[in-house]
Amino acid sequence: MTPEDPSGETTQQRCLDRLAAAGYRQVVTYQPADRFWPFQTLETAIFGMLSLLLVGFCFLRIRPS
C-alpha cells in the first residue's frame, strides 16, 4: 500500500475514527512562517551548546591523568 493508494486513505480514516471513538483527540498547532528562522537559530544554539558540553565532558573523562 502506498500513500497515493486510495485504500490507504480509507484505512487511515478508519484508524483515526477508532482513536476518536476511544476518546483520543489531536491538536495541531502551526507557527507563522516568520518564526521559522528564529526557531532554527534557537534550535541550532541549543544543540550546539549541548554538543560543546558533551565534548567537554568527554575531554575531562577520557583525558589521561
PDB file of N, CA and C in Angstrom:
ATOM      1  N   MET A   1       0.854  -1.166   0.000  1.00  0.00           N
ATOM      2  CA  MET A   1       0.000   0.000   0.000  1.00  0.00           C
ATOM      3  C   MET A   1       0.906   1.236   0.000  1.00  0.00           C
ATOM      4  N   THR A   2       0.644   2.177  -0.874  1.00  0.00           N
ATOM      5  CA  THR A   2       1.422   3.404  -0.973  1.00  0.00           C
ATOM      6  C   THR A   2       0.583   4.581  -0.493  1.00  0.00           C
ATOM      7  N   PRO A   3       1.238   5.709  -0.176  1.00  0.00           N
ATOM      8  CA  PRO A   3       0.458   6.879   0.257  1.00  0.00           C
ATOM      9  C   PRO A   3      -0.510   7.377  -0.813  1.00  0.00           C
ATOM     10  N   GLU A   4      -0.176   7.131  -2.102  1.00  0.00           N
ATOM     11  CA  GLU A   4      -1.048   7.586  -3.180  1.00  0.00           C
ATOM     12  C   GLU A   4      -2.241   6.650  -3.378  1.00  0.00           C
ATOM     13  N   ASP A   5      -2.187   5.478  -2.792  1.00  0.00           N
ATOM     14  CA  ASP A   5      -3.238   4.477  -2.954  1.00  0.00           C
ATOM     15  C   ASP A   5      -4.498   4.934  -2.215  1.00  0.00           C
ATOM     16  N   PRO A   6      -5.633   5.029  -2.891  1.00  0.00           N
ATOM     17  CA  PRO A   6      -6.867   5.481  -2.218  1.00  0.00           C
ATOM     18  C   PRO A   6      -7.276   4.595  -1.039  1.00  0.00           C
ATOM     19  N   SER A   7      -6.972   3.304  -1.104  1.00  0.00           N
ATOM     20  CA  SER A   7      -7.351   2.436   0.018  1.00  0.00           C
ATOM     21  C   SER A   7      -6.567   2.788   1.272  1.00  0.00           C
ATOM     22  N   GLY A   8      -5.377   3.382   1.105  1.00  0.00           N
ATOM     23  CA  GLY A   8      -4.595   3.827   2.262  1.00  0.00           C
ATOM     24  C   GLY A   8      -5.296   4.928   3.019  1.00  0.00           C
ATOM     25  N   GLU A   9      -5.953   5.827   2.288  1.00  0.00           N
ATOM     26  CA  GLU A   9      -6.703   6.903   2.943  1.00  0.00           C
ATOM     27  C   GLU A   9      -7.876   6.339   3.728  1.00  0.00           C
ATOM     28  N   THR A  10      -8.532   5.327   3.174  1.00  0.00           N
ATOM     29  CA  THR A  10      -9.659   4.696   3.862  1.00  0.00           C
ATOM     30  C   THR A  10      -9.186   4.028   5.140  1.00  0.00           C
ATOM     31  N   THR A  11      -8.072   3.322   5.058  1.00  0.00           N
ATOM     32  CA  THR A  11      -7.515   2.649   6.233  1.00  0.00           C
ATOM     33  C   THR A  11      -7.119   3.667   7.294  1.00  0.00           C
ATOM     34  N   GLN A  12      -6.496   4.744   6.864  1.00  0.00           N
ATOM     35  CA  GLN A  12      -6.085   5.776   7.813  1.00  0.00           C
ATOM     36  C   GLN A  12      -7.307   6.410   8.470  1.00  0.00           C
ATOM     37  N   GLN A  13      -8.330   6.685   7.691  1.00  0.00           N
ATOM     38  CA  GLN A  13      -9.538   7.296   8.254  1.00  0.00           C
ATOM     39  C   GLN A  13     -10.207   6.367   9.251  1.00  0.00           C
ATOM     40  N   ARG A  14     -10.246   5.062   8.964  1.00  0.00           N
ATOM     41  CA  ARG A  14     -10.823   4.106   9.916  1.00  0.00           C
ATOM     42  C   ARG A  14     -10.021   4.101  11.212  1.00  0.00           C
ATOM     43  N   CYS A  15      -8.705   4.157  11.081  1.00  0.00           N
ATOM     44  CA  CYS A  15      -7.850   4.190  12.276  1.00  0.00           C
ATOM     45  C   CYS A  15      -8.137   5.446  13.099  1.00  0.00           C
ATOM     46  N   LEU A  16      -8.208   6.595  12.435  1.00  0.00           N
ATOM     47  CA  LEU A  16      -8.488   7.839  13.145  1.00  0.00           C
ATOM     48  C   LEU A  16      -9.879   7.823  13.774  1.00  0.00           C
ATOM     49  N   ASP A  17     -10.845   7.214  13.091  1.00  0.00           N
ATOM     50  CA  ASP A  17     -12.196   7.104  13.656  1.00  0.00           C
ATOM     51  C   ASP A  17     -12.206   6.251  14.920  1.00  0.00           C
ATOM     52  N   ARG A  18     -11.442   5.154  14.911  1.00  0.00           N
ATOM     53  CA  ARG A  18     -11.388   4.290  16.098  1.00  0.00           C
ATOM     54  C   ARG A  18     -10.700   4.992  17.253  1.00  0.00           C
ATOM     55  N   LEU A  19      -9.643   5.761  16.954  1.00  0.00           N
ATOM     56  CA  LEU A  19      -8.981   6.516  18.017  1.00  0.00           C
ATOM     57  C   LEU A  19      -9.923   7.570  18.600  1.00  0.00           C
ATOM     58  N   ALA A  20     -10.673   8.235  17.746  1.00  0.00           N
ATOM     59  CA  ALA A  20     -11.630   9.246  18.220  1.00  0.00           C
ATOM     60  C   ALA A  20     -12.721   8.595  19.061  1.00  0.00           C
ATOM     61  N   ALA A  21     -13.168   7.411  18.663  1.00  0.00           N
ATOM     62  CA  ALA A  21     -14.185   6.700  19.428  1.00  0.00           C
ATOM     63  C   ALA A  21     -13.653   6.281  20.800  1.00  0.00           C
ATOM     64  N   ALA A  22     -12.335   6.054  20.885  1.00  0.00           N
ATOM     65  CA  ALA A  22     -11.731   5.670  22.159  1.00  0.00           C
ATOM     66  C   ALA A  22     -11.447   6.884  23.041  1.00  0.00           C
ATOM     67  N   GLY A  23     -11.721   8.091  22.524  1.00  0.00           N
ATOM     68  CA  GLY A  23     -11.555   9.288  23.341  1.00  0.00           C
ATOM     69  C   GLY A  23     -10.286  10.070  23.072  1.00  0.00           C
ATOM     70  N   TYR A  24      -9.474   9.638  22.115  1.00  0.00           N
ATOM     71  CA  TYR A  24      -8.246  10.369  21.799  1.00  0.00           C
ATOM     72  C   TYR A  24      -8.571  11.559  20.917  1.00  0.00           C
ATOM     73  N   ARG A  25      -7.881  12.648  21.143  1.00  0.00           N
ATOM     74  CA  ARG A  25      -8.061  13.856  20.343  1.00  0.00           C
ATOM     75  C   ARG A  25      -6.700  14.308  19.841  1.00  0.00           C
ATOM     76  N   GLN A  26      -6.708  14.999  18.716  1.00  0.00           N
ATOM     77  CA  GLN A  26      -5.476  15.503  18.130  1.00  0.00           C
ATOM     78  C   GLN A  26      -5.577  17.005  17.976  1.00  0.00           C
ATOM     79  N   VAL A  27      -4.535  17.694  18.413  1.00  0.00           N
ATOM     80  CA  VAL A  27      -4.486  19.142  18.277  1.00  0.00           C
ATOM     81  C   VAL A  27      -3.246  19.477  17.460  1.00  0.00           C
ATOM     82  N   VAL A  28      -3.422  20.219  16.405  1.00  0.00           N
ATOM     83  CA  VAL A  28      -2.314  20.621  15.547  1.00  0.00           C
ATOM     84  C   VAL A  28      -2.154  22.127  15.670  1.00  0.00           C
ATOM     85  N   THR A  29      -0.936  22.556  15.978  1.00  0.00           N
ATOM     86  CA  THR A  29      -0.654  23.974  16.104  1.00  0.00           C
ATOM     87  C   THR A  29       0.413  24.350  15.087  1.00  0.00           C
ATOM     88  N   TYR A  30       0.143  25.355  14.310  1.00  0.00           N
ATOM     89  CA  TYR A  30       1.092  25.839  13.319  1.00  0.00           C
ATOM     90  C   TYR A  30       1.675  27.156  13.788  1.00  0.00           C
ATOM     91  N   GLN A  31       2.953  27.345  13.503  1.00  0.00           N
ATOM     92  CA  GLN A  31       3.609  28.608  13.805  1.00  0.00           C
ATOM     93  C   GLN A  31       3.657  29.437  12.522  1.00  0.00           C
ATOM     94  N   PRO A  32       3.583  30.752  12.636  1.00  0.00           N
ATOM     95  CA  PRO A  32       3.670  31.604  11.445  1.00  0.00           C
ATOM     96  C   PRO A  32       5.027  31.435  10.753  1.00  0.00           C
ATOM     97  N   ALA A  33       5.044  31.639   9.459  1.00  0.00           N
ATOM     98  CA  ALA A  33       6.260  31.440   8.666  1.00  0.00           C
ATOM     99  C   ALA A  33       7.382  32.380   9.098  1.00  0.00           C
ATOM    100  N   ASP A  34       7.047  33.548   9.622  1.00  0.00           N
ATOM    101  CA  ASP A  34       8.107  34.482  10.009  1.00  0.00           C
ATOM    102  C   ASP A  34       8.856  34.037  11.270  1.00  0.00           C
ATOM    103  N   ARG A  35       8.406  32.990  11.924  1.00  0.00           N
ATOM    104  CA  ARG A  35       9.113  32.455  13.098  1.00  0.00           C
ATOM    105  C   ARG A  35      10.063  31.321  12.741  1.00  0.00           C
ATOM    106  N   PHE A  36      10.109  30.929  11.467  1.00  0.00           N
ATOM    107  CA  PHE A  36      10.918  29.774  11.074  1.00  0.00           C
ATOM    108  C   PHE A  36      12.390  29.978  11.421  1.00  0.00           C
ATOM    109  N   TRP A  37      12.994  31.074  10.950  1.00  0.00           N
ATOM    110  CA  TRP A  37      14.425  31.268  11.187  1.00  0.00           C
ATOM    111  C   TRP A  37      14.762  31.517  12.648  1.00  0.00           C
ATOM    112  N   PRO A  38      13.962  32.259  13.411  1.00  0.00           N
ATOM    113  CA  PRO A  38      14.271  32.348  14.848  1.00  0.00           C
ATOM    114  C   PRO A  38      14.235  30.988  15.541  1.00  0.00           C
ATOM    115  N   PHE A  39      13.265  30.127  15.173  1.00  0.00           N
ATOM    116  CA  PHE A  39      13.220  28.791  15.757  1.00  0.00           C
ATOM    117  C   PHE A  39      14.435  27.969  15.342  1.00  0.00           C
ATOM    118  N   GLN A  40      14.829  28.072  14.080  1.00  0.00           N
ATOM    119  CA  GLN A  40      16.001  27.337  13.602  1.00  0.00           C
ATOM    120  C   GLN A  40      17.255  27.798  14.344  1.00  0.00           C
ATOM    121  N   THR A  41      17.388  29.105  14.538  1.00  0.00           N
ATOM    122  CA  THR A  41      18.544  29.653  15.242  1.00  0.00           C
ATOM    123  C   THR A  41      18.567  29.168  16.695  1.00  0.00           C
ATOM    124  N   LEU A  42      17.427  29.218  17.347  1.00  0.00           N
ATOM    125  CA  LEU A  42      17.345  28.756  18.732  1.00  0.00           C
ATOM    126  C   LEU A  42      17.680  27.273  18.841  1.00  0.00           C
ATOM    127  N   GLU A  43      17.130  26.472  17.943  1.00  0.00           N
ATOM    128  CA  GLU A  43      17.399  25.035  17.965  1.00  0.00           C
ATOM    129  C   GLU A  43      18.883  24.754  17.718  1.00  0.00           C
ATOM    130  N   THR A  44      19.485  25.461  16.768  1.00  0.00           N
ATOM    131  CA  THR A  44      20.915  25.280  16.491  1.00  0.00           C
ATOM    132  C   THR A  44      21.747  25.662  17.708  1.00  0.00           C
ATOM    133  N   ALA A  45      21.377  26.749  18.373  1.00  0.00           N
ATOM    134  CA  ALA A  45      22.113  27.179  19.558  1.00  0.00           C
ATOM    135  C   ALA A  45      22.000  26.147  20.678  1.00  0.00           C
ATOM    136  N   ILE A  46      20.813  25.609  20.882  1.00  0.00           N
ATOM    137  CA  ILE A  46      20.623  24.613  21.938  1.00  0.00           C
ATOM    138  C   ILE A  46      21.459  23.362  21.658  1.00  0.00           C
ATOM    139  N   PHE A  47      21.368  22.833  20.427  1.00  0.00           N
ATOM    140  CA  PHE A  47      22.129  21.633  20.108  1.00  0.00           C
ATOM    141  C   PHE A  47      23.627  21.905  20.079  1.00  0.00           C
ATOM    142  N   GLY A  48      24.024  23.107  19.673  1.00  0.00           N
ATOM    143  CA  GLY A  48      25.439  23.470  19.703  1.00  0.00           C
ATOM    144  C   GLY A  48      25.979  23.485  21.127  1.00  0.00           C
ATOM    145  N   MET A  49      25.220  24.084  22.038  1.00  0.00           N
ATOM    146  CA  MET A  49      25.653  24.126  23.439  1.00  0.00           C
ATOM    147  C   MET A  49      25.704  22.720  24.042  1.00  0.00           C
ATOM    148  N   LEU A  50      24.695  21.909  23.743  1.00  0.00           N
ATOM    149  CA  LEU A  50      24.705  20.536  24.256  1.00  0.00           C
ATOM    150  C   LEU A  50      25.897  19.749  23.719  1.00  0.00           C
ATOM    151  N   SER A  51      26.233  19.949  22.451  1.00  0.00           N
ATOM    152  CA  SER A  51      27.375  19.226  21.888  1.00  0.00           C
ATOM    153  C   SER A  51      28.677  19.709  22.511  1.00  0.00           C
ATOM    154  N   LEU A  52      28.805  21.007  22.772  1.00  0.00           N
ATOM    155  CA  LEU A  52      30.006  21.508  23.435  1.00  0.00           C
ATOM    156  C   LEU A  52      30.122  20.965  24.855  1.00  0.00           C
ATOM    157  N   LEU A  53      29.001  20.880  25.565  1.00  0.00           N
ATOM    158  CA  LEU A  53      29.028  20.290  26.906  1.00  0.00           C
ATOM    159  C   LEU A  53      29.449  18.822  26.853  1.00  0.00           C
ATOM    160  N   LEU A  54      28.960  18.101  25.870  1.00  0.00           N
ATOM    161  CA  LEU A  54      29.335  16.695  25.728  1.00  0.00           C
ATOM    162  C   LEU A  54      30.809  16.549  25.383  1.00  0.00           C
ATOM    163  N   VAL A  55      31.323  17.403  24.512  1.00  0.00           N
ATOM    164  CA  VAL A  55      32.751  17.362  24.167  1.00  0.00           C
ATOM    165  C   VAL A  55      33.577  17.658  25.410  1.00  0.00           C
ATOM    166  N   GLY A  56      33.171  18.659  26.181  1.00  0.00           N
ATOM    167  CA  GLY A  56      33.899  18.990  27.400  1.00  0.00           C
ATOM    168  C   GLY A  56      33.878  17.840  28.403  1.00  0.00           C
ATOM    169  N   PHE A  57      32.716  17.232  28.569  1.00  0.00           N
ATOM    170  CA  PHE A  57      32.612  16.093  29.482  1.00  0.00           C
ATOM    171  C   PHE A  57      33.510  14.947  29.026  1.00  0.00           C
ATOM    172  N   CYS A  58      33.467  14.639  27.730  1.00  0.00           N
ATOM    173  CA  CYS A  58      34.304  13.556  27.202  1.00  0.00           C
ATOM    174  C   CYS A  58      35.774  13.865  27.355  1.00  0.00           C
ATOM    175  N   PHE A  59      36.151  15.126  27.115  1.00  0.00           N
ATOM    176  CA  PHE A  59      37.548  15.512  27.259  1.00  0.00           C
ATOM    177  C   PHE A  59      38.016  15.316  28.700  1.00  0.00           C
ATOM    178  N   LEU A  60      37.207  15.732  29.656  1.00  0.00           N
ATOM    179  CA  LEU A  60      37.589  15.580  31.056  1.00  0.00           C
ATOM    180  C   LEU A  60      37.582  14.115  31.488  1.00  0.00           C
ATOM    181  N   ARG A  61      36.683  13.344  30.946  1.00  0.00           N
ATOM    182  CA  ARG A  61      36.541  11.937  31.334  1.00  0.00           C
ATOM    183  C   ARG A  61      37.626  11.055  30.735  1.00  0.00           C
ATOM    184  N   ILE A  62      37.994  11.321  29.478  1.00  0.00           N
ATOM    185  CA  ILE A  62      38.931  10.454  28.762  1.00  0.00           C
ATOM    186  C   ILE A  62      40.379  10.915  28.922  1.00  0.00           C
ATOM    187  N   ARG A  63      40.603  12.163  29.216  1.00  0.00           N
ATOM    188  CA  ARG A  63      41.955  12.724  29.317  1.00  0.00           C
ATOM    189  C   ARG A  63      42.803  11.921  30.323  1.00  0.00           C
ATOM    190  N   PRO A  64      44.037  11.585  29.912  1.00  0.00           N
ATOM    191  CA  PRO A  64      44.894  10.845  30.866  1.00  0.00           C
ATOM    192  C   PRO A  64      45.270  11.725  32.053  1.00  0.00           C
ATOM    193  N   SER A  65      45.382  11.113  33.220  1.00  0.00           N
ATOM    194  CA  SER A  65      45.673  11.884  34.424  1.00  0.00           C
ATOM    195  C   SER A  65      47.147  12.129  34.588  1.00  0.00           C
TER     196      SER A  65
END
